[in-house]
């Protein structure tokens, strides 16, 4: 199985350890992983700001880098959802349409394509799971609490066999953190207050770490935690799952 590793630009620039953990984890799970060196931003920031027409170059570059893979895997639900919904190319529309079906968020790929139910590892800490909006409501990685339906969570499913990990049940399990991409710039005060509220829930449950599948949301929360001089740390789920024992 030939995998193209799609690493968001902010992860590449600010959190390279998340990209490395994703690469190593997929290799440990038996995948042939390749990192196309020519990849750049997928175009999500422009599209979210109302400038979809400026992303044509991003789309063409994405296709040029990832067209030859069986699957495209990314440790960011928001970037995956953007590609699934917005990847187009007038010159290669059939190729783009096929690629939209091949791009997967990391935990979704592990559970749905690799059919891995749980992962053995070691992370002896009390952890709160932040569920990002794009992953939950766009990719259906977990159930929404407002629905009268059975609970499921693909990320949490993978965390259950991690030794020592105490996954807490938050009071508001799927509340938005307020990041929202460019929303945190255009509506700074609202974004910060939403982030503070999200952190308060984790503080009330005395977590050591906040984890999640989108480093963008965790980056937003991390900034607030540091300004509050909080002992709580953030960590991407790939870094926890990469504690896989050989």
C-alpha atoms as a PDB file:
ATOM      1  CA  UNK A   1       0.000   0.000   0.000  1.00  0.00           C
ATOM      2  CA  UNK A   2       1.680   3.189  -1.226  1.00  0.00           C
ATOM      3  CA  UNK A   3       0.857   6.190   0.974  1.00  0.00           C
ATOM      4  CA  UNK A   4       1.433   9.856   0.202  1.00  0.00           C
ATOM      5  CA  UNK A   5       1.986  11.714   3.477  1.00  0.00           C
ATOM      6  CA  UNK A   6       0.198  15.063   3.351  1.00  0.00           C
ATOM      7  CA  UNK A   7       1.579  17.382   6.037  1.00  0.00           C
ATOM      8  CA  UNK A   8      -0.151  20.761   6.552  1.00  0.00           C
ATOM      9  CA  UNK A   9       2.043  23.822   6.163  1.00  0.00           C
ATOM     10  CA  UNK A  10       1.685  24.929   9.800  1.00  0.00           C
ATOM     11  CA  UNK A  11       2.701  21.446  11.010  1.00  0.00           C
ATOM     12  CA  UNK A  12       5.722  21.497   8.700  1.00  0.00           C
ATOM     13  CA  UNK A  13       6.775  24.929   9.960  1.00  0.00           C
ATOM     14  CA  UNK A  14       5.881  24.834  13.664  1.00  0.00           C
ATOM     15  CA  UNK A  15       5.264  21.218  14.719  1.00  0.00           C
ATOM     16  CA  UNK A  16       7.497  18.955  12.598  1.00  0.00           C
ATOM     17  CA  UNK A  17       7.470  16.299  15.346  1.00  0.00           C
ATOM     18  CA  UNK A  18       3.809  15.652  14.503  1.00  0.00           C
ATOM     19  CA  UNK A  19       4.718  14.954  10.889  1.00  0.00           C
ATOM     20  CA  UNK A  20       7.553  12.661  11.955  1.00  0.00           C
ATOM     21  CA  UNK A  21       5.296  10.802  14.406  1.00  0.00           C
ATOM     22  CA  UNK A  22       2.689  10.300  11.670  1.00  0.00           C
ATOM     23  CA  UNK A  23       5.331   8.996   9.262  1.00  0.00           C
ATOM     24  CA  UNK A  24       6.777   6.582  11.819  1.00  0.00           C
ATOM     25  CA  UNK A  25       3.360   5.373  12.973  1.00  0.00           C
ATOM     26  CA  UNK A  26       2.190   4.544   9.450  1.00  0.00           C
ATOM     27  CA  UNK A  27       5.436   2.679   8.795  1.00  0.00           C
ATOM     28  CA  UNK A  28       4.984   0.664  11.983  1.00  0.00           C
ATOM     29  CA  UNK A  29       1.498  -0.244  10.794  1.00  0.00           C
ATOM     30  CA  UNK A  30       2.951  -1.723   7.612  1.00  0.00           C
ATOM     31  CA  UNK A  31       2.499   1.112   5.115  1.00  0.00           C
ATOM     32  CA  UNK A  32       4.958   2.225   2.436  1.00  0.00           C
ATOM     33  CA  UNK A  33       5.082   5.940   3.198  1.00  0.00           C
ATOM     34  CA  UNK A  34       6.359   8.691   0.902  1.00  0.00           C
ATOM     35  CA  UNK A  35       6.656  12.406   1.596  1.00  0.00           C
ATOM     36  CA  UNK A  36       6.393  14.462  -1.631  1.00  0.00           C
ATOM     37  CA  UNK A  37       8.904  17.273  -1.219  1.00  0.00           C
ATOM     38  CA  UNK A  38       7.054  19.660  -3.525  1.00  0.00           C
ATOM     39  CA  UNK A  39       3.874  19.853  -1.434  1.00  0.00           C
ATOM     40  CA  UNK A  40       2.761  23.224  -0.070  1.00  0.00           C
ATOM     41  CA  UNK A  41      -0.404  24.693   1.481  1.00  0.00           C
ATOM     42  CA  UNK A  42      -3.622  22.970   0.367  1.00  0.00           C
ATOM     43  CA  UNK A  43      -5.351  26.343   0.028  1.00  0.00           C
ATOM     44  CA  UNK A  44      -7.681  26.092   3.014  1.00  0.00           C
ATOM     45  CA  UNK A  45      -6.817  29.523   4.554  1.00  0.00           C
ATOM     46  CA  UNK A  46      -7.730  31.334   1.319  1.00  0.00           C
ATOM     47  CA  UNK A  47     -10.913  29.327   0.798  1.00  0.00           C
ATOM     48  CA  UNK A  48     -12.052  29.866   4.396  1.00  0.00           C
ATOM     49  CA  UNK A  49     -11.547  33.600   3.955  1.00  0.00           C
ATOM     50  CA  UNK A  50     -13.701  33.745   0.818  1.00  0.00           C
ATOM     51  CA  UNK A  51     -10.904  33.628  -1.749  1.00  0.00           C
ATOM     52  CA  UNK A  52     -11.466  30.184  -3.236  1.00  0.00           C
ATOM     53  CA  UNK A  53     -10.505  31.496  -6.682  1.00  0.00           C
ATOM     54  CA  UNK A  54      -6.938  32.017  -5.431  1.00  0.00           C
ATOM     55  CA  UNK A  55      -6.426  28.321  -4.654  1.00  0.00           C
ATOM     56  CA  UNK A  56      -6.097  27.042  -8.234  1.00  0.00           C
ATOM     57  CA  UNK A  57      -2.316  26.962  -7.952  1.00  0.00           C
ATOM     58  CA  UNK A  58      -2.563  25.042  -4.674  1.00  0.00           C
ATOM     59  CA  UNK A  59      -4.917  22.526  -6.296  1.00  0.00           C
ATOM     60  CA  UNK A  60      -2.660  21.980  -9.302  1.00  0.00           C
ATOM     61  CA  UNK A  61       0.372  21.534  -7.050  1.00  0.00           C
ATOM     62  CA  UNK A  62      -1.476  19.088  -4.796  1.00  0.00           C
ATOM     63  CA  UNK A  63      -2.442  16.963  -7.792  1.00  0.00           C
ATOM     64  CA  UNK A  64       1.109  17.049  -9.156  1.00  0.00           C
ATOM     65  CA  UNK A  65       2.487  15.786  -5.846  1.00  0.00           C
ATOM     66  CA  UNK A  66      -0.112  13.224  -4.779  1.00  0.00           C
ATOM     67  CA  UNK A  67      -1.759  11.795  -7.912  1.00  0.00           C
ATOM     68  CA  UNK A  68       0.302   8.590  -7.946  1.00  0.00           C
ATOM     69  CA  UNK A  69      -0.551   7.219  -4.497  1.00  0.00           C
ATOM     70  CA  UNK A  70      -3.037   4.577  -3.380  1.00  0.00           C
ATOM     71  CA  UNK A  71      -4.034   6.765  -0.436  1.00  0.00           C
ATOM     72  CA  UNK A  72      -3.218  10.241   0.847  1.00  0.00           C
ATOM     73  CA  UNK A  73      -3.027  10.489   4.646  1.00  0.00           C
ATOM     74  CA  UNK A  74      -2.905  13.652   6.751  1.00  0.00           C
ATOM     75  CA  UNK A  75      -2.807  14.354  10.531  1.00  0.00           C
ATOM     76  CA  UNK A  76      -5.316  17.202  10.178  1.00  0.00           C
ATOM     77  CA  UNK A  77      -9.051  16.807   9.695  1.00  0.00           C
ATOM     78  CA  UNK A  78      -9.601  20.385   8.516  1.00  0.00           C
ATOM     79  CA  UNK A  79      -7.062  20.124   5.689  1.00  0.00           C
ATOM     80  CA  UNK A  80      -8.446  16.723   4.674  1.00  0.00           C
ATOM     81  CA  UNK A  81     -12.000  18.066   4.571  1.00  0.00           C
ATOM     82  CA  UNK A  82     -10.866  21.018   2.458  1.00  0.00           C
ATOM     83  CA  UNK A  83      -9.269  18.723  -0.110  1.00  0.00           C
ATOM     84  CA  UNK A  84     -12.269  16.352  -0.104  1.00  0.00           C
ATOM     85  CA  UNK A  85     -14.675  19.212  -0.780  1.00  0.00           C
ATOM     86  CA  UNK A  86     -12.646  21.679  -2.836  1.00  0.00           C
ATOM     87  CA  UNK A  87      -9.930  19.929  -4.870  1.00  0.00           C
ATOM     88  CA  UNK A  88     -10.637  20.732  -8.527  1.00  0.00           C
ATOM     89  CA  UNK A  89      -8.608  21.256 -11.676  1.00  0.00           C
ATOM     90  CA  UNK A  90     -10.166  22.190 -15.008  1.00  0.00           C
ATOM     91  CA  UNK A  91      -7.377  20.413 -16.887  1.00  0.00           C
ATOM     92  CA  UNK A  92      -7.474  17.245 -14.753  1.00  0.00           C
ATOM     93  CA  UNK A  93     -10.944  17.104 -13.211  1.00  0.00           C
ATOM     94  CA  UNK A  94     -11.236  13.313 -13.415  1.00  0.00           C
ATOM     95  CA  UNK A  95      -7.919  12.942 -11.606  1.00  0.00           C
ATOM     96  CA  UNK A  96      -8.987  15.468  -8.959  1.00  0.00           C
ATOM     97  CA  UNK A  97     -12.317  13.682  -8.438  1.00  0.00           C
ATOM     98  CA  UNK A  98     -10.545  10.372  -7.883  1.00  0.00           C
ATOM     99  CA  UNK A  99      -8.048  11.938  -5.477  1.00  0.00           C
ATOM    100  CA  UNK A 100     -10.835  13.441  -3.363  1.00  0.00           C
ATOM    101  CA  UNK A 101     -11.878   9.871  -2.555  1.00  0.00           C
ATOM    102  CA  UNK A 102      -8.344   8.823  -1.584  1.00  0.00           C
ATOM    103  CA  UNK A 103      -7.506  11.460   1.029  1.00  0.00           C
ATOM    104  CA  UNK A 104      -8.003  10.461   4.682  1.00  0.00           C
ATOM    105  CA  UNK A 105      -7.430  11.897   8.136  1.00  0.00           C
ATOM    106  CA  UNK A 106      -4.928   9.798  10.111  1.00  0.00           C
ATOM    107  CA  UNK A 107      -7.253   8.107  12.636  1.00  0.00           C
ATOM    108  CA  UNK A 108      -9.902   7.601   9.968  1.00  0.00           C
ATOM    109  CA  UNK A 109      -7.346   5.867   7.746  1.00  0.00           C
ATOM    110  CA  UNK A 110      -6.122   3.618  10.566  1.00  0.00           C
ATOM    111  CA  UNK A 111      -9.613   2.511  11.626  1.00  0.00           C
ATOM    112  CA  UNK A 112     -11.459   2.440   8.284  1.00  0.00           C
ATOM    113  CA  UNK A 113      -8.785   1.442   5.763  1.00  0.00           C
ATOM    114  CA  UNK A 114      -6.168  -0.441   7.785  1.00  0.00           C
ATOM    115  CA  UNK A 115      -8.952  -1.887   9.982  1.00  0.00           C
ATOM    116  CA  UNK A 116      -6.884  -1.425  13.156  1.00  0.00           C
ATOM    117  CA  UNK A 117      -9.168  -1.457  16.219  1.00  0.00           C
ATOM    118  CA  UNK A 118      -6.640  -0.432  18.847  1.00  0.00           C
ATOM    119  CA  UNK A 119      -2.962   0.342  19.247  1.00  0.00           C
ATOM    120  CA  UNK A 120      -0.672  -0.790  22.040  1.00  0.00           C
ATOM    121  CA  UNK A 121       1.527   1.886  23.525  1.00  0.00           C
ATOM    122  CA  UNK A 122       2.498   3.656  26.713  1.00  0.00           C
ATOM    123  CA  UNK A 123       1.464   7.154  27.796  1.00  0.00           C
ATOM    124  CA  UNK A 124       0.945   7.297  31.592  1.00  0.00           C
ATOM    125  CA  UNK A 125      -0.958  10.570  31.867  1.00  0.00           C
ATOM    126  CA  UNK A 126      -4.451  11.941  32.401  1.00  0.00           C
ATOM    127  CA  UNK A 127      -5.636  13.115  28.981  1.00  0.00           C
ATOM    128  CA  UNK A 128      -8.533  15.184  27.657  1.00  0.00           C
ATOM    129  CA  UNK A 129      -9.603  14.671  24.038  1.00  0.00           C
ATOM    130  CA  UNK A 130     -10.376  17.829  22.088  1.00  0.00           C
ATOM    131  CA  UNK A 131     -12.710  16.997  19.199  1.00  0.00           C
ATOM    132  CA  UNK A 132     -12.175  19.412  16.320  1.00  0.00           C
ATOM    133  CA  UNK A 133     -15.233  20.616  14.406  1.00  0.00           C
ATOM    134  CA  UNK A 134     -14.061  19.726  10.879  1.00  0.00           C
ATOM    135  CA  UNK A 135     -13.187  16.178  11.890  1.00  0.00           C
ATOM    136  CA  UNK A 136     -16.377  15.575  13.813  1.00  0.00           C
ATOM    137  CA  UNK A 137     -18.995  17.329  11.717  1.00  0.00           C
ATOM    138  CA  UNK A 138     -17.320  17.152   8.333  1.00  0.00           C
ATOM    139  CA  UNK A 139     -15.496  13.817   8.348  1.00  0.00           C
ATOM    140  CA  UNK A 140     -17.757  12.106  10.922  1.00  0.00           C
ATOM    141  CA  UNK A 141     -14.810  10.945  13.050  1.00  0.00           C
ATOM    142  CA  UNK A 142     -17.019  10.913  16.145  1.00  0.00           C
ATOM    143  CA  UNK A 143     -20.662  11.259  17.121  1.00  0.00           C
ATOM    144  CA  UNK A 144     -22.168  14.674  17.813  1.00  0.00           C
ATOM    145  CA  UNK A 145     -23.659  14.956  21.293  1.00  0.00           C
ATOM    146  CA  UNK A 146     -26.787  16.779  20.123  1.00  0.00           C
ATOM    147  CA  UNK A 147     -27.879  13.690  18.180  1.00  0.00           C
ATOM    148  CA  UNK A 148     -29.859  10.926  19.849  1.00  0.00           C
ATOM    149  CA  UNK A 149     -27.587   8.239  18.440  1.00  0.00           C
ATOM    150  CA  UNK A 150     -25.028   5.698  19.696  1.00  0.00           C
ATOM    151  CA  UNK A 151     -21.682   7.186  20.665  1.00  0.00           C
ATOM    152  CA  UNK A 152     -18.576   6.450  18.626  1.00  0.00           C
ATOM    153  CA  UNK A 153     -15.154   8.050  18.297  1.00  0.00           C
ATOM    154  CA  UNK A 154     -12.446   6.783  15.986  1.00  0.00           C
ATOM    155  CA  UNK A 155      -9.665   8.733  17.772  1.00  0.00           C
ATOM    156  CA  UNK A 156     -10.776   7.570  21.225  1.00  0.00           C
ATOM    157  CA  UNK A 157     -11.070   3.999  19.991  1.00  0.00           C
ATOM    158  CA  UNK A 158      -7.367   4.031  19.151  1.00  0.00           C
ATOM    159  CA  UNK A 159      -6.404   5.451  22.552  1.00  0.00           C
ATOM    160  CA  UNK A 160      -8.104   2.810  24.688  1.00  0.00           C
ATOM    161  CA  UNK A 161      -5.224   0.297  24.673  1.00  0.00           C
ATOM    162  CA  UNK A 162      -2.494   2.835  25.387  1.00  0.00           C
ATOM    163  CA  UNK A 163      -1.038   1.713  28.722  1.00  0.00           C
ATOM    164  CA  UNK A 164      -1.360   4.169  31.579  1.00  0.00           C
ATOM    165  CA  UNK A 165      -3.473   6.628  29.601  1.00  0.00           C
ATOM    166  CA  UNK A 166      -6.456   7.890  31.605  1.00  0.00           C
ATOM    167  CA  UNK A 167      -8.873   9.347  29.037  1.00  0.00           C
ATOM    168  CA  UNK A 168     -11.288  11.615  30.896  1.00  0.00           C
ATOM    169  CA  UNK A 169     -14.911  12.261  29.963  1.00  0.00           C
ATOM    170  CA  UNK A 170     -15.314  16.009  29.539  1.00  0.00           C
ATOM    171  CA  UNK A 171     -18.457  17.924  30.470  1.00  0.00           C
ATOM    172  CA  UNK A 172     -18.786  19.418  26.970  1.00  0.00           C
ATOM    173  CA  UNK A 173     -17.242  16.724  24.800  1.00  0.00           C
ATOM    174  CA  UNK A 174     -17.540  18.382  21.381  1.00  0.00           C
ATOM    175  CA  UNK A 175     -17.430  22.107  22.094  1.00  0.00           C
ATOM    176  CA  UNK A 176     -15.500  24.265  19.586  1.00  0.00           C
ATOM    177  CA  UNK A 177     -12.190  25.706  20.795  1.00  0.00           C
ATOM    178  CA  UNK A 178     -12.673  28.940  18.855  1.00  0.00           C
ATOM    179  CA  UNK A 179      -9.701  28.628  16.497  1.00  0.00           C
ATOM    180  CA  UNK A 180     -11.582  28.415  13.199  1.00  0.00           C
ATOM    181  CA  UNK A 181      -8.598  29.246  10.984  1.00  0.00           C
ATOM    182  CA  UNK A 182      -8.777  32.919  10.041  1.00  0.00           C
ATOM    183  CA  UNK A 183     -11.701  33.337  12.470  1.00  0.00           C
ATOM    184  CA  UNK A 184      -9.143  33.641  15.297  1.00  0.00           C
ATOM    185  CA  UNK A 185      -7.709  36.680  13.496  1.00  0.00           C
ATOM    186  CA  UNK A 186     -10.909  38.409  12.404  1.00  0.00           C
ATOM    187  CA  UNK A 187     -12.767  37.674  15.668  1.00  0.00           C
ATOM    188  CA  UNK A 188      -9.880  37.573  18.121  1.00  0.00           C
ATOM    189  CA  UNK A 189     -11.812  38.307  21.335  1.00  0.00           C
ATOM    190  CA  UNK A 190     -14.517  35.723  20.659  1.00  0.00           C
ATOM    191  CA  UNK A 191     -11.908  33.160  19.638  1.00  0.00           C
ATOM    192  CA  UNK A 192      -9.883  33.651  22.817  1.00  0.00           C
ATOM    193  CA  UNK A 193     -12.963  33.411  25.073  1.00  0.00           C
ATOM    194  CA  UNK A 194     -14.049  30.186  23.382  1.00  0.00           C
ATOM    195  CA  UNK A 195     -10.538  28.795  23.852  1.00  0.00           C
ATOM    196  CA  UNK A 196     -10.500  29.764  27.524  1.00  0.00           C
ATOM    197  CA  UNK A 197     -13.853  28.027  28.043  1.00  0.00           C
ATOM    198  CA  UNK A 198     -12.595  24.898  26.309  1.00  0.00           C
ATOM    199  CA  UNK A 199      -9.494  24.858  28.510  1.00  0.00           C
ATOM    200  CA  UNK A 200     -11.560  25.374  31.663  1.00  0.00           C
ATOM    201  CA  UNK A 201     -13.381  22.099  31.009  1.00  0.00           C
ATOM    202  CA  UNK A 202     -10.053  20.272  30.807  1.00  0.00           C
ATOM    203  CA  UNK A 203      -8.783  22.057  33.921  1.00  0.00           C
ATOM    204  CA  UNK A 204     -11.887  21.012  35.849  1.00  0.00           C
ATOM    205  CA  UNK A 205     -11.045  17.396  35.008  1.00  0.00           C
ATOM    206  CA  UNK A 206      -7.402  17.868  36.055  1.00  0.00           C
ATOM    207  CA  UNK A 207      -5.817  16.655  32.825  1.00  0.00           C
ATOM    208  CA  UNK A 208      -2.080  16.571  32.212  1.00  0.00           C
ATOM    209  CA  UNK A 209      -2.458  16.785  28.426  1.00  0.00           C
ATOM    210  CA  UNK A 210      -4.990  17.915  25.854  1.00  0.00           C
ATOM    211  CA  UNK A 211      -4.810  15.825  22.697  1.00  0.00           C
ATOM    212  CA  UNK A 212      -6.607  15.982  19.371  1.00  0.00           C
ATOM    213  CA  UNK A 213      -6.326  15.317  15.663  1.00  0.00           C
ATOM    214  CA  UNK A 214      -5.839  18.907  14.496  1.00  0.00           C
ATOM    215  CA  UNK A 215      -2.644  20.654  15.536  1.00  0.00           C
ATOM    216  CA  UNK A 216      -4.221  23.976  14.508  1.00  0.00           C
ATOM    217  CA  UNK A 217      -6.787  23.733  17.331  1.00  0.00           C
ATOM    218  CA  UNK A 218      -4.113  22.501  19.721  1.00  0.00           C
ATOM    219  CA  UNK A 219      -1.863  25.411  18.695  1.00  0.00           C
ATOM    220  CA  UNK A 220      -4.665  27.833  19.592  1.00  0.00           C
ATOM    221  CA  UNK A 221      -5.195  26.168  22.977  1.00  0.00           C
ATOM    222  CA  UNK A 222      -1.451  25.930  23.583  1.00  0.00           C
ATOM    223  CA  UNK A 223      -1.095  29.692  23.158  1.00  0.00           C
ATOM    224  CA  UNK A 224      -3.787  30.360  25.750  1.00  0.00           C
ATOM    225  CA  UNK A 225      -2.336  27.765  28.149  1.00  0.00           C
ATOM    226  CA  UNK A 226       1.112  29.369  27.953  1.00  0.00           C
ATOM    227  CA  UNK A 227      -0.285  32.856  28.560  1.00  0.00           C
ATOM    228  CA  UNK A 228      -2.142  31.531  31.597  1.00  0.00           C
ATOM    229  CA  UNK A 229       1.055  29.786  32.740  1.00  0.00           C
ATOM    230  CA  UNK A 230      -0.908  26.546  32.965  1.00  0.00           C
ATOM    231  CA  UNK A 231       0.923  23.243  33.596  1.00  0.00           C
ATOM    232  CA  UNK A 232      -1.366  21.514  31.041  1.00  0.00           C
ATOM    233  CA  UNK A 233       0.376  20.580  27.797  1.00  0.00           C
ATOM    234  CA  UNK A 234      -0.921  19.824  24.308  1.00  0.00           C
ATOM    235  CA  UNK A 235       0.059  16.825  22.198  1.00  0.00           C
ATOM    236  CA  UNK A 236      -1.170  15.552  18.839  1.00  0.00           C
ATOM    237  CA  UNK A 237      -2.769  12.116  18.886  1.00  0.00           C
ATOM    238  CA  UNK A 238      -0.146  10.852  16.407  1.00  0.00           C
ATOM    239  CA  UNK A 239       2.556  11.446  19.012  1.00  0.00           C
ATOM    240  CA  UNK A 240       0.649   9.356  21.574  1.00  0.00           C
ATOM    241  CA  UNK A 241      -0.108   6.557  19.127  1.00  0.00           C
ATOM    242  CA  UNK A 242       3.514   6.529  18.000  1.00  0.00           C
ATOM    243  CA  UNK A 243       4.481   5.185  21.424  1.00  0.00           C
ATOM    244  CA  UNK A 244       3.527   1.852  19.779  1.00  0.00           C
ATOM    245  CA  UNK A 245       5.589  -0.989  21.200  1.00  0.00           C
ATOM    246  CA  UNK A 246       7.445  -3.169  18.723  1.00  0.00           C
END
